[in-house]
PDB file of N, CA and C in Angstrom:
ATOM      1  N   MET A   1      77.647 117.702 104.916  1.00  0.00           N
ATOM      2  CA  MET A   1      76.633 116.522 105.564  1.00  0.00           C
ATOM      3  C   MET A   1      77.762 115.460 105.531  1.00  0.00           C
ATOM      4  N   GLY A   2      78.790 115.224 104.827  1.00  0.00           N
ATOM      5  CA  GLY A   2      79.816 114.350 104.833  1.00  0.00           C
ATOM      6  C   GLY A   2      79.566 113.034 104.178  1.00  0.00           C
ATOM      7  N   LYS A   3      80.180 112.118 104.207  1.00  0.00           N
ATOM      8  CA  LYS A   3      80.194 110.989 103.328  1.00  0.00           C
ATOM      9  C   LYS A   3      78.804 110.319 103.249  1.00  0.00           C
ATOM     10  N   TYR A   4      77.867 110.081 104.599  1.00  0.00           N
ATOM     11  CA  TYR A   4      76.732 109.595 104.558  1.00  0.00           C
ATOM     12  C   TYR A   4      75.836 110.522 104.157  1.00  0.00           C
ATOM     13  N   ASN A   5      74.673 110.295 103.376  1.00  0.00           N
ATOM     14  CA  ASN A   5      73.779 111.423 102.928  1.00  0.00           C
ATOM     15  C   ASN A   5      72.331 110.085 103.307  1.00  0.00           C
ATOM     16  N   SER A   6      72.424 109.484 104.278  1.00  0.00           N
ATOM     17  CA  SER A   6      71.354 108.507 104.554  1.00  0.00           C
ATOM     18  C   SER A   6      70.120 109.421 105.223  1.00  0.00           C
ATOM     19  N   THR A   7      69.054 109.282 104.987  1.00  0.00           N
ATOM     20  CA  THR A   7      67.869 110.038 105.890  1.00  0.00           C
ATOM     21  C   THR A   7      67.331 109.042 107.286  1.00  0.00           C
ATOM     22  N   SER A   8      67.870 107.951 107.302  1.00  0.00           N
ATOM     23  CA  SER A   8      67.079 106.922 108.035  1.00  0.00           C
ATOM     24  C   SER A   8      68.386 105.962 108.688  1.00  0.00           C
ATOM     25  N   GLY A   9      68.572 105.940 110.061  1.00  0.00           N
ATOM     26  CA  GLY A   9      69.869 105.507 110.719  1.00  0.00           C
ATOM     27  C   GLY A   9      69.422 104.386 111.420  1.00  0.00           C
ATOM     28  N   HIS A  10      67.933 103.806 111.344  1.00  0.00           N
ATOM     29  CA  HIS A  10      67.478 102.888 112.022  1.00  0.00           C
ATOM     30  C   HIS A  10      67.878 101.570 111.135  1.00  0.00           C
ATOM     31  N   LEU A  11      67.956 100.609 112.373  1.00  0.00           N
ATOM     32  CA  LEU A  11      68.175  99.467 111.668  1.00  0.00           C
ATOM     33  C   LEU A  11      67.067  98.500 111.769  1.00  0.00           C
ATOM     34  N   THR A  12      66.532  97.769 111.010  1.00  0.00           N
ATOM     35  CA  THR A  12      65.340  96.876 111.050  1.00  0.00           C
ATOM     36  C   THR A  12      65.895  95.517 111.758  1.00  0.00           C
ATOM     37  N   LYS A  13      65.311  94.680 112.015  1.00  0.00           N
ATOM     38  CA  LYS A  13      65.816  93.433 113.013  1.00  0.00           C
ATOM     39  C   LYS A  13      66.287  92.657 111.986  1.00  0.00           C
ATOM     40  N   GLY A  14      66.077  92.506 110.801  1.00  0.00           N
ATOM     41  CA  GLY A  14      66.679  91.808 109.513  1.00  0.00           C
ATOM     42  C   GLY A  14      67.955  92.439 109.126  1.00  0.00           C
ATOM     43  N   MET A  15      68.237  93.400 109.169  1.00  0.00           N
ATOM     44  CA  MET A  15      69.488  94.157 109.183  1.00  0.00           C
ATOM     45  C   MET A  15      70.487  93.949 110.390  1.00  0.00           C
ATOM     46  N   ARG A  16      70.066  93.888 111.275  1.00  0.00           N
ATOM     47  CA  ARG A  16      70.694  93.381 112.617  1.00  0.00           C
ATOM     48  C   ARG A  16      71.123  91.945 112.482  1.00  0.00           C
ATOM     49  N   ILE A  17      70.620  91.224 112.200  1.00  0.00           N
ATOM     50  CA  ILE A  17      70.733  89.681 111.698  1.00  0.00           C
ATOM     51  C   ILE A  17      71.809  89.706 110.876  1.00  0.00           C
ATOM     52  N   ALA A  18      71.428  90.111 109.615  1.00  0.00           N
ATOM     53  CA  ALA A  18      72.625  90.406 108.745  1.00  0.00           C
ATOM     54  C   ALA A  18      73.643  90.804 108.896  1.00  0.00           C
ATOM     55  N   LEU A  19      74.067  91.696 109.889  1.00  0.00           N
ATOM     56  CA  LEU A  19      75.077  92.429 110.484  1.00  0.00           C
ATOM     57  C   LEU A  19      75.841  91.805 111.234  1.00  0.00           C
ATOM     58  N   CYS A  20      75.269  90.578 112.121  1.00  0.00           N
ATOM     59  CA  CYS A  20      75.866  89.677 112.927  1.00  0.00           C
ATOM     60  C   CYS A  20      76.186  88.439 111.948  1.00  0.00           C
ATOM     61  N   GLN A  21      75.374  88.112 111.043  1.00  0.00           N
ATOM     62  CA  GLN A  21      75.830  87.256 110.151  1.00  0.00           C
ATOM     63  C   GLN A  21      77.091  87.339 109.473  1.00  0.00           C
ATOM     64  N   GLN A  22      77.201  88.427 108.851  1.00  0.00           N
ATOM     65  CA  GLN A  22      78.630  89.326 108.445  1.00  0.00           C
ATOM     66  C   GLN A  22      79.572  89.241 109.083  1.00  0.00           C
ATOM     67  N   LYS A  23      79.571  89.535 110.529  1.00  0.00           N
ATOM     68  CA  LYS A  23      80.648  89.515 111.415  1.00  0.00           C
ATOM     69  C   LYS A  23      81.078  87.934 111.837  1.00  0.00           C
ATOM     70  N   CYS A  24      79.918  87.481 111.837  1.00  0.00           N
ATOM     71  CA  CYS A  24      80.470  85.724 111.951  1.00  0.00           C
ATOM     72  C   CYS A  24      81.298  84.980 110.855  1.00  0.00           C
ATOM     73  N   ARG A  25      80.734  85.360 109.430  1.00  0.00           N
ATOM     74  CA  ARG A  25      81.556  85.071 108.209  1.00  0.00           C
ATOM     75  C   ARG A  25      82.638  85.822 108.313  1.00  0.00           C
ATOM     76  N   ARG A  26      82.975  86.856 108.525  1.00  0.00           N
ATOM     77  CA  ARG A  26      84.307  87.452 108.350  1.00  0.00           C
ATOM     78  C   ARG A  26      84.657  88.169 109.870  1.00  0.00           C
ATOM     79  N   PRO A  27      85.031  87.172 110.843  1.00  0.00           N
ATOM     80  CA  PRO A  27      85.262  87.994 111.841  1.00  0.00           C
ATOM     81  C   PRO A  27      86.398  88.756 112.351  1.00  0.00           C
ATOM     82  N   ALA A  28      87.058  88.995 111.146  1.00  0.00           N
ATOM     83  CA  ALA A  28      88.423  89.955 111.076  1.00  0.00           C
ATOM     84  C   ALA A  28      87.902  91.527 110.975  1.00  0.00           C
ATOM     85  N   LEU A  29      86.772  91.680 110.306  1.00  0.00           N
ATOM     86  CA  LEU A  29      86.245  92.977 110.166  1.00  0.00           C
ATOM     87  C   LEU A  29      86.093  93.953 111.220  1.00  0.00           C
ATOM     88  N   THR A  30      86.314  95.068 111.144  1.00  0.00           N
ATOM     89  CA  THR A  30      86.213  95.920 112.451  1.00  0.00           C
ATOM     90  C   THR A  30      84.927  96.603 112.428  1.00  0.00           C
ATOM     91  N   GLN A  31      84.373  97.334 113.380  1.00  0.00           N
ATOM     92  CA  GLN A  31      83.081  97.992 113.252  1.00  0.00           C
ATOM     93  C   GLN A  31      83.151  99.097 112.260  1.00  0.00           C
ATOM     94  N   GLY A  32      84.030  99.678 112.029  1.00  0.00           N
ATOM     95  CA  GLY A  32      84.095 100.733 110.911  1.00  0.00           C
ATOM     96  C   GLY A  32      83.726 100.167 109.752  1.00  0.00           C
ATOM     97  N   GLU A  33      84.463  98.974 109.387  1.00  0.00           N
ATOM     98  CA  GLU A  33      84.004  98.353 108.357  1.00  0.00           C
ATOM     99  C   GLU A  33      82.903  97.699 107.806  1.00  0.00           C
ATOM    100  N   LEU A  34      82.112  97.148 109.189  1.00  0.00           N
ATOM    101  CA  LEU A  34      81.064  96.839 109.416  1.00  0.00           C
ATOM    102  C   LEU A  34      79.928  97.981 109.119  1.00  0.00           C
ATOM    103  N   LYS A  35      80.245  99.348 109.375  1.00  0.00           N
ATOM    104  CA  LYS A  35      79.204 100.149 109.226  1.00  0.00           C
ATOM    105  C   LYS A  35      79.565 100.578 107.699  1.00  0.00           C
ATOM    106  N   GLU A  36      80.774 100.459 106.969  1.00  0.00           N
ATOM    107  CA  GLU A  36      80.855 100.710 105.717  1.00  0.00           C
ATOM    108  C   GLU A  36      80.032  99.709 104.804  1.00  0.00           C
ATOM    109  N   TRP A  37      80.049  98.182 105.344  1.00  0.00           N
ATOM    110  CA  TRP A  37      79.068  97.374 104.927  1.00  0.00           C
ATOM    111  C   TRP A  37      77.637  97.674 104.655  1.00  0.00           C
ATOM    112  N   LEU A  38      77.285  98.315 106.155  1.00  0.00           N
ATOM    113  CA  LEU A  38      75.751  98.302 106.028  1.00  0.00           C
ATOM    114  C   LEU A  38      75.595  99.360 105.102  1.00  0.00           C
ATOM    115  N   TRP A  39      76.376 100.384 104.853  1.00  0.00           N
ATOM    116  CA  TRP A  39      76.175 101.477 103.888  1.00  0.00           C
ATOM    117  C   TRP A  39      75.893 101.330 102.702  1.00  0.00           C
ATOM    118  N   THR A  40      76.842 100.088 102.202  1.00  0.00           N
ATOM    119  CA  THR A  40      76.871  99.684 100.819  1.00  0.00           C
ATOM    120  C   THR A  40      75.841  98.733 100.676  1.00  0.00           C
ATOM    121  N   THR A  41      75.546  97.768 101.608  1.00  0.00           N
ATOM    122  CA  THR A  41      74.425  96.682 101.286  1.00  0.00           C
ATOM    123  C   THR A  41      72.922  97.307 101.413  1.00  0.00           C
ATOM    124  N   HIS A  42      72.890  97.989 102.636  1.00  0.00           N
ATOM    125  CA  HIS A  42      71.204  98.507 102.780  1.00  0.00           C
ATOM    126  C   HIS A  42      71.044  99.887 102.674  1.00  0.00           C
ATOM    127  N   GLY A  43      72.170 100.597 102.440  1.00  0.00           N
ATOM    128  CA  GLY A  43      71.963 102.189 102.310  1.00  0.00           C
ATOM    129  C   GLY A  43      71.590 102.876 103.592  1.00  0.00           C
ATOM    130  N   VAL A  44      72.330 102.139 104.831  1.00  0.00           N
ATOM    131  CA  VAL A  44      71.747 102.797 106.074  1.00  0.00           C
ATOM    132  C   VAL A  44      73.013 103.683 107.026  1.00  0.00           C
ATOM    133  N   CYS A  45      73.099 104.312 107.434  1.00  0.00           N
ATOM    134  CA  CYS A  45      74.143 104.986 108.089  1.00  0.00           C
ATOM    135  C   CYS A  45      73.991 104.997 109.528  1.00  0.00           C
ATOM    136  N   VAL A  46      74.645 104.222 110.035  1.00  0.00           N
ATOM    137  CA  VAL A  46      74.708 104.216 111.752  1.00  0.00           C
ATOM    138  C   VAL A  46      75.762 104.714 112.691  1.00  0.00           C
ATOM    139  N   THR A  47      75.773 104.782 113.732  1.00  0.00           N
ATOM    140  CA  THR A  47      77.248 105.098 114.034  1.00  0.00           C
ATOM    141  C   THR A  47      77.748 103.868 114.781  1.00  0.00           C
ATOM    142  N   GLN A  48      79.263 103.948 115.193  1.00  0.00           N
ATOM    143  CA  GLN A  48      79.728 102.924 115.529  1.00  0.00           C
ATOM    144  C   GLN A  48      79.145 102.357 116.896  1.00  0.00           C
ATOM    145  N   ALA A  49      78.771 102.867 117.826  1.00  0.00           N
ATOM    146  CA  ALA A  49      77.765 102.498 118.956  1.00  0.00           C
ATOM    147  C   ALA A  49      76.710 101.775 118.530  1.00  0.00           C
ATOM    148  N   THR A  50      76.035 102.167 117.432  1.00  0.00           N
ATOM    149  CA  THR A  50      75.269 101.212 116.828  1.00  0.00           C
ATOM    150  C   THR A  50      75.535  99.626 116.479  1.00  0.00           C
ATOM    151  N   ILE A  51      76.768  99.728 115.980  1.00  0.00           N
ATOM    152  CA  ILE A  51      77.126  98.460 115.663  1.00  0.00           C
ATOM    153  C   ILE A  51      77.551  97.801 116.582  1.00  0.00           C
ATOM    154  N   SER A  52      78.511  98.542 117.758  1.00  0.00           N
ATOM    155  CA  SER A  52      78.660  98.060 119.138  1.00  0.00           C
ATOM    156  C   SER A  52      77.525  97.299 119.846  1.00  0.00           C
ATOM    157  N   LEU A  53      76.598  98.051 119.948  1.00  0.00           N
ATOM    158  CA  LEU A  53      75.121  97.326 120.554  1.00  0.00           C
ATOM    159  C   LEU A  53      74.558  96.118 119.953  1.00  0.00           C
ATOM    160  N   THR A  54      74.663  96.454 118.568  1.00  0.00           N
ATOM    161  CA  THR A  54      73.991  95.045 118.037  1.00  0.00           C
ATOM    162  C   THR A  54      74.893  93.911 118.053  1.00  0.00           C
ATOM    163  N   LEU A  55      76.199  94.102 118.045  1.00  0.00           N
ATOM    164  CA  LEU A  55      77.112  93.037 118.186  1.00  0.00           C
ATOM    165  C   LEU A  55      76.915  92.456 119.405  1.00  0.00           C
ATOM    166  N   LYS A  56      76.857  93.159 120.581  1.00  0.00           N
ATOM    167  CA  LYS A  56      76.558  92.838 121.817  1.00  0.00           C
ATOM    168  C   LYS A  56      75.991  91.769 122.120  1.00  0.00           C
ATOM    169  N   HIS A  57      74.456  92.132 121.524  1.00  0.00           N
ATOM    170  CA  HIS A  57      73.178  91.264 121.421  1.00  0.00           C
ATOM    171  C   HIS A  57      73.451  90.141 120.160  1.00  0.00           C
ATOM    172  N   SER A  58      74.326  90.046 119.573  1.00  0.00           N
ATOM    173  CA  SER A  58      74.208  89.022 118.608  1.00  0.00           C
ATOM    174  C   SER A  58      74.177  87.681 118.872  1.00  0.00           C
ATOM    175  N   ASP A  59      74.213  86.996 120.092  1.00  0.00           N
ATOM    176  CA  ASP A  59      73.871  85.763 120.301  1.00  0.00           C
ATOM    177  C   ASP A  59      72.202  85.360 120.476  1.00  0.00           C
ATOM    178  N   GLU A  60      71.376  86.511 120.786  1.00  0.00           N
ATOM    179  CA  GLU A  60      70.253  86.538 120.866  1.00  0.00           C
ATOM    180  C   GLU A  60      69.612  86.809 119.351  1.00  0.00           C
ATOM    181  N   LEU A  61      70.334  87.589 118.579  1.00  0.00           N
ATOM    182  CA  LEU A  61      69.699  88.034 117.271  1.00  0.00           C
ATOM    183  C   LEU A  61      69.919  86.863 116.368  1.00  0.00           C
ATOM    184  N   LEU A  62      71.077  85.881 116.571  1.00  0.00           N
ATOM    185  CA  LEU A  62      71.076  84.838 115.729  1.00  0.00           C
ATOM    186  C   LEU A  62      70.321  83.758 116.385  1.00  0.00           C
ATOM    187  N   VAL A  63      69.967  83.717 117.318  1.00  0.00           N
ATOM    188  CA  VAL A  63      69.004  82.299 117.919  1.00  0.00           C
ATOM    189  C   VAL A  63      67.833  82.791 117.405  1.00  0.00           C
ATOM    190  N   MET A  64      67.353  84.032 117.263  1.00  0.00           N
ATOM    191  CA  MET A  64      66.039  84.441 116.689  1.00  0.00           C
ATOM    192  C   MET A  64      65.878  84.282 115.411  1.00  0.00           C
ATOM    193  N   ALA A  65      66.991  84.312 114.750  1.00  0.00           N
ATOM    194  CA  ALA A  65      67.089  84.010 113.144  1.00  0.00           C
ATOM    195  C   ALA A  65      67.110  82.594 112.607  1.00  0.00           C
ATOM    196  N   ALA A  66      67.516  81.761 113.607  1.00  0.00           N
ATOM    197  CA  ALA A  66      67.603  80.208 113.693  1.00  0.00           C
ATOM    198  C   ALA A  66      66.566  79.451 113.936  1.00  0.00           C
ATOM    199  N   ASP A  67      65.514  80.047 114.813  1.00  0.00           N
ATOM    200  CA  ASP A  67      64.409  79.440 115.554  1.00  0.00           C
ATOM    201  C   ASP A  67      63.396  79.071 114.419  1.00  0.00           C
ATOM    202  N   THR A  68      63.411  77.927 113.967  1.00  0.00           N
ATOM    203  CA  THR A  68      62.448  77.605 113.296  1.00  0.00           C
ATOM    204  C   THR A  68      61.200  76.672 114.094  1.00  0.00           C
ATOM    205  N   SER A  69      61.360  76.531 115.105  1.00  0.00           N
ATOM    206  CA  SER A  69      60.234  75.485 116.194  1.00  0.00           C
ATOM    207  C   SER A  69      58.757  76.295 116.082  1.00  0.00           C
ATOM    208  N   VAL A  70      58.370  76.790 115.264  1.00  0.00           N
ATOM    209  CA  VAL A  70      56.865  77.511 115.224  1.00  0.00           C
ATOM    210  C   VAL A  70      56.255  76.117 114.847  1.00  0.00           C
ATOM    211  N   PRO A  71      55.302  75.860 115.956  1.00  0.00           N
ATOM    212  CA  PRO A  71      54.255  74.616 115.448  1.00  0.00           C
ATOM    213  C   PRO A  71      53.314  74.861 114.014  1.00  0.00           C
ATOM    214  N   PRO A  72      53.056  74.142 113.494  1.00  0.00           N
ATOM    215  CA  PRO A  72      52.076  74.294 112.239  1.00  0.00           C
ATOM    216  C   PRO A  72      50.761  75.159 113.178  1.00  0.00           C
ATOM    217  N   PRO A  73      50.389  75.985 112.353  1.00  0.00           N
ATOM    218  CA  PRO A  73      49.056  76.854 112.777  1.00  0.00           C
ATOM    219  C   PRO A  73      47.806  75.927 113.003  1.00  0.00           C
ATOM    220  N   ARG A  74      47.636  74.852 112.371  1.00  0.00           N
ATOM    221  CA  ARG A  74      46.496  74.092 112.939  1.00  0.00           C
ATOM    222  C   ARG A  74      46.519  73.195 114.104  1.00  0.00           C
ATOM    223  N   LEU A  75      48.002  72.885 114.547  1.00  0.00           N
ATOM    224  CA  LEU A  75      48.206  72.292 116.058  1.00  0.00           C
ATOM    225  C   LEU A  75      48.165  73.539 117.030  1.00  0.00           C
ATOM    226  N   ALA A  76      48.386  74.649 116.628  1.00  0.00           N
ATOM    227  CA  ALA A  76      48.631  76.108 117.571  1.00  0.00           C
ATOM    228  C   ALA A  76      46.891  76.093 117.693  1.00  0.00           C
ATOM    229  N   LEU A  77      45.947  76.083 116.944  1.00  0.00           N
ATOM    230  CA  LEU A  77      44.765  76.478 117.079  1.00  0.00           C
ATOM    231  C   LEU A  77      43.936  75.596 117.841  1.00  0.00           C
ATOM    232  N   ARG A  78      44.145  74.485 118.040  1.00  0.00           N
ATOM    233  CA  ARG A  78      43.368  73.082 118.416  1.00  0.00           C
ATOM    234  C   ARG A  78      43.175  73.441 119.941  1.00  0.00           C
ATOM    235  N   THR A  79      41.670  73.102 120.279  1.00  0.00           N
ATOM    236  CA  THR A  79      41.092  72.835 121.121  1.00  0.00           C
ATOM    237  C   THR A  79      40.365  71.917 121.478  1.00  0.00           C
ATOM    238  N   ARG A  80      40.047  71.691 123.022  1.00  0.00           N
ATOM    239  CA  ARG A  80      39.244  70.679 123.275  1.00  0.00           C
ATOM    240  C   ARG A  80      37.904  70.947 123.111  1.00  0.00           C
ATOM    241  N   GLN A  81      36.910  69.688 122.790  1.00  0.00           N
ATOM    242  CA  GLN A  81      35.783  70.136 122.462  1.00  0.00           C
ATOM    243  C   GLN A  81      34.677  69.347 123.260  1.00  0.00           C
ATOM    244  N   ALA A  82      33.572  70.118 123.735  1.00  0.00           N
ATOM    245  CA  ALA A  82      32.960  69.357 124.867  1.00  0.00           C
ATOM    246  C   ALA A  82      32.130  68.150 124.134  1.00  0.00           C
ATOM    247  N   VAL A  83      32.271  67.145 124.975  1.00  0.00           N
ATOM    248  CA  VAL A  83      31.449  65.760 124.143  1.00  0.00           C
ATOM    249  C   VAL A  83      30.250  65.952 124.766  1.00  0.00           C
ATOM    250  N   GLN A  84      29.033  65.784 123.844  1.00  0.00           N
ATOM    251  CA  GLN A  84      27.795  65.551 124.116  1.00  0.00           C
ATOM    252  C   GLN A  84      27.202  64.174 124.447  1.00  0.00           C
ATOM    253  N   TYR A  85      26.627  63.611 125.280  1.00  0.00           N
ATOM    254  CA  TYR A  85      25.760  62.096 125.409  1.00  0.00           C
ATOM    255  C   TYR A  85      24.396  62.331 125.248  1.00  0.00           C
ATOM    256  N   LEU A  86      24.062  61.601 124.529  1.00  0.00           N
ATOM    257  CA  LEU A  86      22.612  61.861 124.266  1.00  0.00           C
ATOM    258  C   LEU A  86      21.704  60.548 124.958  1.00  0.00           C
TER     259      LEU A  86
END
């Protein structure tokens, strides 16, 4: 079967974000080295094409990771109440 014996080659969104962050921290890493890093860090074996596609969308993934502009739940649920005049 080869060097990698992983049963799952699927990356979660968190793994994809971690991959992009690793590439930003160490831009000299090749896609092969990033593949090795994924294996040692997350135990996931992926193809070079998966690495390439993930890095292609890295801007979107990193924006999603940094997005903390979610309003507090109370404000998100607030609605207008009808006024009753007696």
